[in-house]
Amino acid sequence: MIRRHPASTEIVHDLDAIEKTAPPRFQRFEAWLTRYSISLLRISLGVVILGFGVLKYFPGVSPAENLVEATTHVMTFGRVPDMVALVATATLECFIGLSLIMRRGLRATIYLLLLWVMGILSPVVLLPHRLFSGPNHAPTLEGQYVLKDLILFTASLVVATTLYRTTSAAERQSTRDKVDDDAAPADPPSS
């Protein structure tokens, strides 16, 4: 049986399975990174997203308040009041952040992240003049805010890749064996 080393995004419970590429004095640190880096990424993303969501509950505090209001105004043709848009965005961000921090409902949160990223990217299409009106079309502060959110979203996708992986080595092996059995050609009929 060939021993497969875990992918960098897998949660590793068998530290002996970690490829020993680092010098011996760094192998313990490498094992620690492999075991905890995705969890640390998930929690830090949750804290940042939650923090920016909480800011939107307080009028005049969030740096993205005007951008959320302007984007919602354009998207809904002015039918949704600004305060409703801010509270909805804040609630969405707080729910996503809490879910990431507490590691509860993460599979549902993936779909909320897709909704969130559509809101993030809509100003790029609807209000590009507000995002890239700096010298030589450099991003404005609002444009930098959108780019930051895009980075948060892609980091969330890294966390999401770990949700569909099994954590048990035996389960991973049985899944690989099943895939190998399904992919193997059938024996030719004997004559």
N, C-alpha and C. Protein backbone atom coordinates (compact mmCIF):
# COMPACT_ATOMS: atom_id res chain seq x y z
N MET A 1 0.85 -1.18 0.00
CA MET A 1 0.00 0.00 0.00
C MET A 1 0.90 1.24 0.00
N ILE A 2 0.61 2.15 -0.91
CA ILE A 2 1.38 3.38 -1.02
C ILE A 2 0.82 4.37 -0.02
N ARG A 3 1.70 4.97 0.75
CA ARG A 3 1.26 5.95 1.75
C ARG A 3 1.20 7.32 1.09
N ARG A 4 0.05 7.94 1.15
CA ARG A 4 -0.16 9.25 0.55
C ARG A 4 -0.02 10.30 1.63
N HIS A 5 0.73 11.35 1.33
CA HIS A 5 0.87 12.45 2.27
C HIS A 5 -0.35 13.35 2.15
N PRO A 6 -0.81 13.92 3.25
CA PRO A 6 -2.02 14.74 3.20
C PRO A 6 -1.80 16.02 2.42
N ALA A 7 -2.87 16.47 1.78
CA ALA A 7 -2.82 17.77 1.10
C ALA A 7 -2.68 18.86 2.15
N SER A 8 -2.21 20.02 1.73
CA SER A 8 -1.96 21.08 2.70
C SER A 8 -3.23 21.60 3.34
N THR A 9 -4.38 21.36 2.74
CA THR A 9 -5.63 21.86 3.31
C THR A 9 -6.35 20.84 4.16
N GLU A 10 -5.84 19.62 4.23
CA GLU A 10 -6.50 18.60 5.04
C GLU A 10 -6.20 18.82 6.51
N ILE A 11 -7.17 18.49 7.33
CA ILE A 11 -6.94 18.50 8.77
C ILE A 11 -6.23 17.20 9.08
N VAL A 12 -5.06 17.28 9.61
CA VAL A 12 -4.23 16.11 9.83
C VAL A 12 -4.33 15.68 11.28
N HIS A 13 -4.71 14.43 11.47
CA HIS A 13 -4.76 13.87 12.82
C HIS A 13 -3.63 12.89 13.04
N ASP A 14 -3.07 12.39 11.94
CA ASP A 14 -1.96 11.44 12.02
C ASP A 14 -0.69 12.22 11.69
N LEU A 15 0.00 12.70 12.71
CA LEU A 15 1.17 13.53 12.47
C LEU A 15 2.31 12.76 11.83
N ASP A 16 2.28 11.42 11.89
CA ASP A 16 3.32 10.64 11.23
C ASP A 16 3.16 10.69 9.71
N ALA A 17 1.96 11.07 9.25
CA ALA A 17 1.70 11.12 7.81
C ALA A 17 2.28 12.38 7.18
N ILE A 18 2.75 13.31 7.96
CA ILE A 18 3.30 14.56 7.44
C ILE A 18 4.65 14.28 6.80
N GLU A 19 4.79 14.79 5.60
CA GLU A 19 6.06 14.61 4.91
C GLU A 19 7.14 15.36 5.67
N LYS A 20 8.21 14.68 5.94
CA LYS A 20 9.29 15.27 6.73
C LYS A 20 10.30 15.95 5.78
N THR A 21 9.96 17.14 5.35
CA THR A 21 10.83 17.87 4.44
C THR A 21 11.67 18.91 5.15
N ALA A 22 11.24 19.34 6.29
CA ALA A 22 11.96 20.37 7.03
C ALA A 22 13.11 19.73 7.81
N PRO A 23 14.10 20.54 8.13
CA PRO A 23 15.16 20.02 9.00
C PRO A 23 14.56 19.54 10.31
N PRO A 24 15.19 18.58 10.97
CA PRO A 24 14.60 18.00 12.18
C PRO A 24 14.16 19.03 13.21
N ARG A 25 14.90 20.11 13.37
CA ARG A 25 14.53 21.08 14.41
C ARG A 25 13.26 21.85 14.05
N PHE A 26 12.84 21.82 12.76
CA PHE A 26 11.63 22.52 12.34
C PHE A 26 10.46 21.58 12.08
N GLN A 27 10.67 20.28 12.20
CA GLN A 27 9.59 19.35 11.90
C GLN A 27 8.42 19.49 12.86
N ARG A 28 8.71 19.78 14.09
CA ARG A 28 7.63 19.96 15.07
C ARG A 28 6.79 21.19 14.71
N PHE A 29 7.45 22.27 14.29
CA PHE A 29 6.74 23.48 13.86
C PHE A 29 5.93 23.19 12.59
N GLU A 30 6.50 22.42 11.66
CA GLU A 30 5.80 22.05 10.44
C GLU A 30 4.55 21.24 10.77
N ALA A 31 4.67 20.34 11.71
CA ALA A 31 3.52 19.54 12.14
C ALA A 31 2.45 20.44 12.77
N TRP A 32 2.88 21.38 13.58
CA TRP A 32 1.94 22.32 14.21
C TRP A 32 1.21 23.14 13.15
N LEU A 33 1.97 23.65 12.17
CA LEU A 33 1.36 24.43 11.09
C LEU A 33 0.34 23.60 10.32
N THR A 34 0.70 22.37 10.02
CA THR A 34 -0.18 21.51 9.25
C THR A 34 -1.46 21.23 10.02
N ARG A 35 -1.34 21.06 11.30
CA ARG A 35 -2.50 20.70 12.10
C ARG A 35 -3.41 21.90 12.39
N TYR A 36 -2.86 23.08 12.60
CA TYR A 36 -3.67 24.21 13.10
C TYR A 36 -3.84 25.38 12.15
N SER A 37 -3.15 25.43 11.02
CA SER A 37 -3.18 26.63 10.18
C SER A 37 -4.56 26.91 9.61
N ILE A 38 -5.28 25.88 9.16
CA ILE A 38 -6.61 26.12 8.60
C ILE A 38 -7.58 26.60 9.68
N SER A 39 -7.47 26.02 10.88
CA SER A 39 -8.34 26.48 11.98
C SER A 39 -8.05 27.93 12.33
N LEU A 40 -6.77 28.30 12.37
CA LEU A 40 -6.42 29.69 12.65
C LEU A 40 -6.91 30.62 11.56
N LEU A 41 -6.81 30.19 10.31
CA LEU A 41 -7.32 30.98 9.20
C LEU A 41 -8.83 31.16 9.32
N ARG A 42 -9.55 30.09 9.63
CA ARG A 42 -11.00 30.14 9.78
C ARG A 42 -11.41 31.11 10.88
N ILE A 43 -10.76 31.01 12.03
CA ILE A 43 -11.11 31.87 13.16
C ILE A 43 -10.77 33.33 12.88
N SER A 44 -9.60 33.57 12.29
CA SER A 44 -9.23 34.96 12.01
C SER A 44 -10.14 35.57 10.95
N LEU A 45 -10.54 34.79 9.95
CA LEU A 45 -11.50 35.29 8.97
C LEU A 45 -12.81 35.65 9.65
N GLY A 46 -13.26 34.76 10.53
CA GLY A 46 -14.50 35.01 11.25
C GLY A 46 -14.45 36.29 12.06
N VAL A 47 -13.33 36.51 12.74
CA VAL A 47 -13.19 37.72 13.57
C VAL A 47 -13.23 38.98 12.70
N VAL A 48 -12.53 38.95 11.57
CA VAL A 48 -12.49 40.13 10.70
C VAL A 48 -13.86 40.39 10.08
N ILE A 49 -14.50 39.35 9.55
CA ILE A 49 -15.81 39.53 8.92
C ILE A 49 -16.85 39.96 9.96
N LEU A 50 -16.81 39.35 11.13
CA LEU A 50 -17.72 39.74 12.21
C LEU A 50 -17.48 41.20 12.61
N GLY A 51 -16.22 41.58 12.73
CA GLY A 51 -15.90 42.96 13.12
C GLY A 51 -16.43 43.98 12.14
N PHE A 52 -16.23 43.74 10.84
CA PHE A 52 -16.76 44.67 9.85
C PHE A 52 -18.28 44.64 9.79
N GLY A 53 -18.88 43.49 10.09
CA GLY A 53 -20.34 43.41 10.14
C GLY A 53 -20.91 44.22 11.29
N VAL A 54 -20.28 44.11 12.46
CA VAL A 54 -20.76 44.85 13.64
C VAL A 54 -20.68 46.35 13.39
N LEU A 55 -19.64 46.82 12.71
CA LEU A 55 -19.51 48.25 12.43
C LEU A 55 -20.70 48.79 11.64
N LYS A 56 -21.27 47.95 10.77
CA LYS A 56 -22.37 48.42 9.93
C LYS A 56 -23.66 48.64 10.72
N TYR A 57 -23.76 48.11 11.92
CA TYR A 57 -24.95 48.34 12.74
C TYR A 57 -25.00 49.76 13.31
N PHE A 58 -23.87 50.44 13.32
CA PHE A 58 -23.79 51.77 13.91
C PHE A 58 -23.62 52.81 12.81
N PRO A 59 -24.62 53.65 12.58
CA PRO A 59 -24.57 54.65 11.50
C PRO A 59 -23.34 55.55 11.61
N GLY A 60 -22.67 55.71 10.49
CA GLY A 60 -21.51 56.60 10.41
C GLY A 60 -20.21 55.97 10.86
N VAL A 61 -20.20 54.71 11.28
CA VAL A 61 -18.98 54.09 11.80
C VAL A 61 -18.26 53.27 10.72
N SER A 62 -19.01 52.55 9.90
CA SER A 62 -18.39 51.67 8.90
C SER A 62 -17.84 52.47 7.73
N PRO A 63 -16.60 52.17 7.32
CA PRO A 63 -16.05 52.86 6.15
C PRO A 63 -16.76 52.48 4.85
N ALA A 64 -17.52 51.38 4.86
CA ALA A 64 -18.20 50.94 3.65
C ALA A 64 -19.68 51.34 3.63
N GLU A 65 -20.11 52.11 4.60
CA GLU A 65 -21.53 52.45 4.72
C GLU A 65 -22.06 53.11 3.46
N ASN A 66 -21.39 54.14 2.97
CA ASN A 66 -21.85 54.86 1.78
C ASN A 66 -21.84 53.96 0.55
N LEU A 67 -20.86 53.09 0.45
CA LEU A 67 -20.77 52.18 -0.70
C LEU A 67 -21.92 51.17 -0.67
N VAL A 68 -22.24 50.64 0.48
CA VAL A 68 -23.37 49.70 0.62
C VAL A 68 -24.66 50.40 0.23
N GLU A 69 -24.84 51.60 0.73
CA GLU A 69 -26.07 52.35 0.44
C GLU A 69 -26.19 52.66 -1.05
N ALA A 70 -25.10 53.12 -1.66
CA ALA A 70 -25.14 53.48 -3.09
C ALA A 70 -25.36 52.25 -3.95
N THR A 71 -24.70 51.17 -3.63
CA THR A 71 -24.85 49.94 -4.42
C THR A 71 -26.26 49.40 -4.31
N THR A 72 -26.81 49.36 -3.10
CA THR A 72 -28.17 48.87 -2.91
C THR A 72 -29.18 49.77 -3.62
N HIS A 73 -28.92 51.06 -3.58
CA HIS A 73 -29.81 52.01 -4.25
C HIS A 73 -29.86 51.72 -5.75
N VAL A 74 -28.70 51.48 -6.36
CA VAL A 74 -28.65 51.19 -7.79
C VAL A 74 -29.27 49.82 -8.08
N MET A 75 -28.96 48.82 -7.27
CA MET A 75 -29.46 47.46 -7.51
C MET A 75 -30.97 47.35 -7.37
N THR A 76 -31.54 48.08 -6.43
CA THR A 76 -32.98 47.96 -6.16
C THR A 76 -33.78 49.13 -6.70
N PHE A 77 -33.14 49.99 -7.47
CA PHE A 77 -33.79 51.18 -8.04
C PHE A 77 -34.39 52.05 -6.96
N GLY A 78 -33.71 52.10 -5.80
CA GLY A 78 -34.12 52.97 -4.71
C GLY A 78 -35.29 52.46 -3.89
N ARG A 79 -35.70 51.21 -4.09
CA ARG A 79 -36.86 50.67 -3.37
C ARG A 79 -36.54 50.17 -1.97
N VAL A 80 -35.27 49.87 -1.68
CA VAL A 80 -34.88 49.39 -0.35
C VAL A 80 -34.26 50.56 0.42
N PRO A 81 -34.80 50.89 1.58
CA PRO A 81 -34.21 51.99 2.37
C PRO A 81 -32.77 51.68 2.77
N ASP A 82 -31.97 52.73 2.87
CA ASP A 82 -30.55 52.56 3.18
C ASP A 82 -30.33 51.80 4.48
N MET A 83 -31.10 52.12 5.50
CA MET A 83 -30.91 51.47 6.80
C MET A 83 -31.20 49.97 6.73
N VAL A 84 -32.19 49.59 5.94
CA VAL A 84 -32.53 48.17 5.77
C VAL A 84 -31.36 47.45 5.08
N ALA A 85 -30.80 48.09 4.07
CA ALA A 85 -29.66 47.49 3.37
C ALA A 85 -28.47 47.32 4.30
N LEU A 86 -28.20 48.32 5.13
CA LEU A 86 -27.08 48.23 6.06
C LEU A 86 -27.29 47.14 7.11
N VAL A 87 -28.50 47.06 7.65
CA VAL A 87 -28.78 46.04 8.66
C VAL A 87 -28.72 44.65 8.04
N ALA A 88 -29.23 44.49 6.83
CA ALA A 88 -29.18 43.18 6.16
C ALA A 88 -27.73 42.77 5.90
N THR A 89 -26.92 43.70 5.42
CA THR A 89 -25.51 43.41 5.17
C THR A 89 -24.78 43.10 6.47
N ALA A 90 -25.06 43.87 7.49
CA ALA A 90 -24.42 43.65 8.79
C ALA A 90 -24.80 42.29 9.36
N THR A 91 -26.07 41.94 9.25
CA THR A 91 -26.54 40.65 9.77
C THR A 91 -25.90 39.50 9.01
N LEU A 92 -25.82 39.62 7.70
CA LEU A 92 -25.18 38.59 6.88
C LEU A 92 -23.72 38.41 7.29
N GLU A 93 -23.00 39.51 7.41
CA GLU A 93 -21.58 39.45 7.77
C GLU A 93 -21.40 38.90 9.18
N CYS A 94 -22.24 39.30 10.10
CA CYS A 94 -22.13 38.79 11.48
C CYS A 94 -22.41 37.29 11.53
N PHE A 95 -23.41 36.84 10.80
CA PHE A 95 -23.72 35.41 10.78
C PHE A 95 -22.56 34.62 10.19
N ILE A 96 -22.00 35.11 9.08
CA ILE A 96 -20.85 34.43 8.46
C ILE A 96 -19.68 34.40 9.43
N GLY A 97 -19.39 35.54 10.05
CA GLY A 97 -18.27 35.61 10.99
C GLY A 97 -18.44 34.69 12.17
N LEU A 98 -19.62 34.69 12.78
CA LEU A 98 -19.87 33.80 13.92
C LEU A 98 -19.80 32.33 13.53
N SER A 99 -20.30 32.02 12.36
CA SER A 99 -20.26 30.64 11.89
C SER A 99 -18.82 30.17 11.71
N LEU A 100 -17.99 31.04 11.15
CA LEU A 100 -16.58 30.68 10.97
C LEU A 100 -15.87 30.53 12.32
N ILE A 101 -16.15 31.41 13.25
CA ILE A 101 -15.50 31.36 14.56
C ILE A 101 -15.91 30.11 15.33
N MET A 102 -17.21 29.84 15.35
CA MET A 102 -17.72 28.74 16.17
C MET A 102 -17.73 27.40 15.45
N ARG A 103 -17.45 27.42 14.15
CA ARG A 103 -17.43 26.21 13.33
C ARG A 103 -18.78 25.48 13.37
N ARG A 104 -19.81 26.26 13.25
CA ARG A 104 -21.18 25.73 13.22
C ARG A 104 -21.86 26.19 11.93
N GLY A 105 -22.54 25.28 11.27
CA GLY A 105 -23.27 25.64 10.06
C GLY A 105 -22.39 26.07 8.91
N LEU A 106 -21.18 25.53 8.84
CA LEU A 106 -20.23 26.00 7.82
C LEU A 106 -20.67 25.65 6.40
N ARG A 107 -21.32 24.53 6.23
CA ARG A 107 -21.76 24.18 4.86
C ARG A 107 -22.82 25.14 4.37
N ALA A 108 -23.72 25.56 5.22
CA ALA A 108 -24.71 26.58 4.84
C ALA A 108 -24.03 27.93 4.63
N THR A 109 -23.00 28.18 5.42
CA THR A 109 -22.28 29.45 5.33
C THR A 109 -21.60 29.61 3.98
N ILE A 110 -21.21 28.51 3.34
CA ILE A 110 -20.61 28.59 2.01
C ILE A 110 -21.56 29.30 1.05
N TYR A 111 -22.84 28.97 1.13
CA TYR A 111 -23.83 29.59 0.25
C TYR A 111 -24.05 31.05 0.61
N LEU A 112 -23.98 31.36 1.89
CA LEU A 112 -24.07 32.76 2.30
C LEU A 112 -22.85 33.55 1.82
N LEU A 113 -21.70 32.89 1.80
CA LEU A 113 -20.50 33.55 1.27
C LEU A 113 -20.67 33.89 -0.20
N LEU A 114 -21.34 33.04 -0.95
CA LEU A 114 -21.58 33.33 -2.37
C LEU A 114 -22.49 34.55 -2.51
N LEU A 115 -23.51 34.63 -1.69
CA LEU A 115 -24.38 35.81 -1.68
C LEU A 115 -23.57 37.05 -1.30
N TRP A 116 -22.73 36.91 -0.29
CA TRP A 116 -21.89 38.01 0.18
C TRP A 116 -20.95 38.50 -0.93
N VAL A 117 -20.31 37.56 -1.65
CA VAL A 117 -19.37 37.97 -2.69
C VAL A 117 -20.09 38.63 -3.87
N MET A 118 -21.34 38.24 -4.13
CA MET A 118 -22.09 38.94 -5.17
C MET A 118 -22.31 40.39 -4.76
N GLY A 119 -22.60 40.60 -3.48
CA GLY A 119 -22.74 41.97 -2.99
C GLY A 119 -21.43 42.73 -3.03
N ILE A 120 -20.33 42.02 -2.73
CA ILE A 120 -19.01 42.65 -2.75
C ILE A 120 -18.64 43.08 -4.17
N LEU A 121 -18.90 42.22 -5.14
CA LEU A 121 -18.47 42.50 -6.51
C LEU A 121 -19.43 43.39 -7.28
N SER A 122 -20.65 43.56 -6.80
CA SER A 122 -21.59 44.38 -7.55
C SER A 122 -21.13 45.83 -7.73
N PRO A 123 -20.45 46.46 -6.77
CA PRO A 123 -19.97 47.82 -7.04
C PRO A 123 -18.92 47.87 -8.15
N VAL A 124 -18.21 46.79 -8.38
CA VAL A 124 -17.22 46.76 -9.46
C VAL A 124 -17.92 46.95 -10.80
N VAL A 125 -19.11 46.37 -10.93
CA VAL A 125 -19.89 46.48 -12.16
C VAL A 125 -20.74 47.75 -12.16
N LEU A 126 -21.40 48.04 -11.03
CA LEU A 126 -22.36 49.13 -10.98
C LEU A 126 -21.74 50.50 -10.71
N LEU A 127 -20.67 50.53 -9.93
CA LEU A 127 -20.07 51.81 -9.53
C LEU A 127 -18.55 51.81 -9.69
N PRO A 128 -18.04 51.43 -10.85
CA PRO A 128 -16.58 51.36 -10.98
C PRO A 128 -15.89 52.72 -10.80
N HIS A 129 -16.59 53.80 -11.14
CA HIS A 129 -16.01 55.13 -10.99
C HIS A 129 -15.71 55.47 -9.53
N ARG A 130 -16.46 54.88 -8.59
CA ARG A 130 -16.20 55.12 -7.17
C ARG A 130 -15.04 54.29 -6.66
N LEU A 131 -14.77 53.16 -7.29
CA LEU A 131 -13.75 52.24 -6.79
C LEU A 131 -12.37 52.50 -7.39
N PHE A 132 -12.34 52.99 -8.63
CA PHE A 132 -11.05 53.12 -9.32
C PHE A 132 -10.90 54.51 -9.94
N SER A 133 -11.08 55.53 -9.14
CA SER A 133 -10.96 56.89 -9.65
C SER A 133 -9.72 57.60 -9.12
N GLY A 134 -8.79 56.83 -8.60
CA GLY A 134 -7.53 57.40 -8.13
C GLY A 134 -6.64 57.75 -9.31
N PRO A 135 -5.44 58.27 -9.05
CA PRO A 135 -4.53 58.57 -10.16
C PRO A 135 -4.24 57.31 -10.96
N ASN A 136 -4.34 57.43 -12.28
CA ASN A 136 -4.11 56.30 -13.20
C ASN A 136 -5.05 55.13 -12.88
N HIS A 137 -6.26 55.42 -12.49
CA HIS A 137 -7.29 54.43 -12.16
C HIS A 137 -6.90 53.53 -10.99
N ALA A 138 -6.11 54.07 -10.10
CA ALA A 138 -5.75 53.32 -8.88
C ALA A 138 -6.99 53.20 -8.01
N PRO A 139 -7.05 52.15 -7.20
CA PRO A 139 -8.24 51.99 -6.35
C PRO A 139 -8.34 53.09 -5.28
N THR A 140 -9.56 53.56 -5.08
CA THR A 140 -9.83 54.49 -4.00
C THR A 140 -9.88 53.69 -2.69
N LEU A 141 -10.16 54.37 -1.59
CA LEU A 141 -10.29 53.67 -0.32
C LEU A 141 -11.43 52.65 -0.38
N GLU A 142 -12.54 53.02 -1.04
CA GLU A 142 -13.64 52.07 -1.21
C GLU A 142 -13.23 50.89 -2.09
N GLY A 143 -12.45 51.17 -3.13
CA GLY A 143 -11.95 50.09 -3.99
C GLY A 143 -11.05 49.14 -3.23
N GLN A 144 -10.22 49.70 -2.36
CA GLN A 144 -9.35 48.85 -1.52
C GLN A 144 -10.19 48.00 -0.57
N TYR A 145 -11.29 48.55 -0.08
CA TYR A 145 -12.20 47.82 0.80
C TYR A 145 -12.79 46.61 0.06
N VAL A 146 -13.20 46.82 -1.19
CA VAL A 146 -13.75 45.73 -1.99
C VAL A 146 -12.67 44.68 -2.26
N LEU A 147 -11.47 45.11 -2.58
CA LEU A 147 -10.37 44.16 -2.82
C LEU A 147 -10.06 43.35 -1.56
N LYS A 148 -10.12 44.01 -0.41
CA LYS A 148 -9.90 43.31 0.87
C LYS A 148 -10.96 42.25 1.07
N ASP A 149 -12.21 42.59 0.78
CA ASP A 149 -13.29 41.62 0.93
C ASP A 149 -13.13 40.45 -0.04
N LEU A 150 -12.62 40.72 -1.22
CA LEU A 150 -12.38 39.65 -2.19
C LEU A 150 -11.32 38.68 -1.67
N ILE A 151 -10.29 39.21 -1.03
CA ILE A 151 -9.26 38.37 -0.42
C ILE A 151 -9.85 37.55 0.72
N LEU A 152 -10.70 38.16 1.53
CA LEU A 152 -11.37 37.42 2.61
C LEU A 152 -12.21 36.28 2.04
N PHE A 153 -12.90 36.56 0.94
CA PHE A 153 -13.73 35.52 0.33
C PHE A 153 -12.88 34.36 -0.18
N THR A 154 -11.78 34.65 -0.86
CA THR A 154 -10.95 33.56 -1.38
C THR A 154 -10.31 32.77 -0.24
N ALA A 155 -9.96 33.43 0.84
CA ALA A 155 -9.44 32.69 2.00
C ALA A 155 -10.54 31.81 2.60
N SER A 156 -11.77 32.28 2.56
CA SER A 156 -12.89 31.47 3.04
C SER A 156 -13.08 30.23 2.17
N LEU A 157 -12.79 30.35 0.89
CA LEU A 157 -12.87 29.18 0.02
C LEU A 157 -11.83 28.13 0.41
N VAL A 158 -10.67 28.58 0.84
CA VAL A 158 -9.65 27.63 1.33
C VAL A 158 -10.19 26.87 2.53
N VAL A 159 -10.82 27.58 3.44
CA VAL A 159 -11.42 26.93 4.60
C VAL A 159 -12.51 25.97 4.15
N ALA A 160 -13.30 26.38 3.15
CA ALA A 160 -14.41 25.54 2.68
C ALA A 160 -13.92 24.23 2.09
N THR A 161 -12.72 24.21 1.52
CA THR A 161 -12.22 22.96 0.94
C THR A 161 -12.03 21.89 2.00
N THR A 162 -11.86 22.28 3.23
CA THR A 162 -11.65 21.29 4.29
C THR A 162 -12.96 20.68 4.77
N LEU A 163 -14.08 21.28 4.43
CA LEU A 163 -15.37 20.79 4.93
C LEU A 163 -15.77 19.47 4.31
N TYR A 164 -15.35 19.22 3.12
CA TYR A 164 -15.78 18.03 2.42
C TYR A 164 -14.76 16.91 2.47
N ARG A 165 -13.75 17.09 3.26
CA ARG A 165 -12.75 16.04 3.44
C ARG A 165 -13.09 15.27 4.70
N THR A 166 -12.88 13.97 4.64
CA THR A 166 -13.09 13.18 5.85
C THR A 166 -11.89 13.34 6.74
N THR A 167 -12.09 13.21 8.03
CA THR A 167 -10.99 13.43 8.97
C THR A 167 -10.34 12.13 9.41
N SER A 168 -10.99 11.02 9.20
CA SER A 168 -10.43 9.75 9.61
C SER A 168 -9.56 9.17 8.50
N ALA A 169 -8.38 8.71 8.85
CA ALA A 169 -7.49 8.12 7.86
C ALA A 169 -8.15 6.89 7.24
N ALA A 170 -8.86 6.10 8.04
CA ALA A 170 -9.53 4.91 7.53
C ALA A 170 -10.62 5.30 6.53
N GLU A 171 -11.38 6.37 6.83
CA GLU A 171 -12.41 6.83 5.90
C GLU A 171 -11.79 7.33 4.61
N ARG A 172 -10.69 8.07 4.69
CA ARG A 172 -10.01 8.56 3.49
C ARG A 172 -9.55 7.38 2.65
N GLN A 173 -8.96 6.38 3.28
CA GLN A 173 -8.46 5.23 2.55
C GLN A 173 -9.60 4.45 1.91
N SER A 174 -10.70 4.26 2.64
CA SER A 174 -11.83 3.51 2.07
C SER A 174 -12.44 4.27 0.90
N THR A 175 -12.46 5.60 0.99
CA THR A 175 -12.97 6.41 -0.12
C THR A 175 -12.06 6.28 -1.33
N ARG A 176 -10.74 6.32 -1.13
CA ARG A 176 -9.79 6.16 -2.24
C ARG A 176 -9.92 4.77 -2.84
N ASP A 177 -10.06 3.75 -1.99
CA ASP A 177 -10.19 2.38 -2.50
C ASP A 177 -11.45 2.24 -3.35
N LYS A 178 -12.54 2.86 -2.90
CA LYS A 178 -13.80 2.79 -3.64
C LYS A 178 -13.65 3.48 -4.99
N VAL A 179 -12.99 4.65 -5.01
CA VAL A 179 -12.77 5.36 -6.26
C VAL A 179 -11.89 4.53 -7.18
N ASP A 180 -10.85 3.92 -6.63
CA ASP A 180 -9.97 3.08 -7.44
C ASP A 180 -10.73 1.88 -8.01
N ASP A 181 -11.61 1.28 -7.20
CA ASP A 181 -12.40 0.13 -7.67
C ASP A 181 -13.35 0.55 -8.78
N ASP A 182 -13.96 1.74 -8.64
CA ASP A 182 -14.89 2.22 -9.65
C ASP A 182 -14.18 2.58 -10.94
N ALA A 183 -12.94 3.08 -10.83
CA ALA A 183 -12.19 3.51 -11.99
C ALA A 183 -11.51 2.33 -12.70
N ALA A 184 -11.31 1.24 -12.01
CA ALA A 184 -10.61 0.10 -12.61
C ALA A 184 -11.48 -0.52 -13.69
N PRO A 185 -10.84 -0.86 -14.84
CA PRO A 185 -11.64 -1.48 -15.91
C PRO A 185 -12.09 -2.88 -15.48
N ALA A 186 -13.24 -3.24 -15.96
CA ALA A 186 -13.78 -4.55 -15.64
C ALA A 186 -12.93 -5.64 -16.32
N ASP A 187 -12.89 -6.80 -15.70
CA ASP A 187 -12.15 -7.91 -16.31
C ASP A 187 -12.83 -8.31 -17.61
N PRO A 188 -12.01 -8.59 -18.63
CA PRO A 188 -12.63 -8.99 -19.90
C PRO A 188 -13.33 -10.33 -19.73
N PRO A 189 -14.43 -10.52 -20.43
CA PRO A 189 -15.14 -11.80 -20.31
C PRO A 189 -14.27 -12.94 -20.81
N SER A 190 -14.32 -14.05 -20.09
CA SER A 190 -13.51 -15.21 -20.51
C SER A 190 -14.31 -16.01 -21.51
N SER A 191 -13.53 -16.54 -22.46
CA SER A 191 -14.20 -17.32 -23.49
C SER A 191 -14.03 -18.79 -23.29
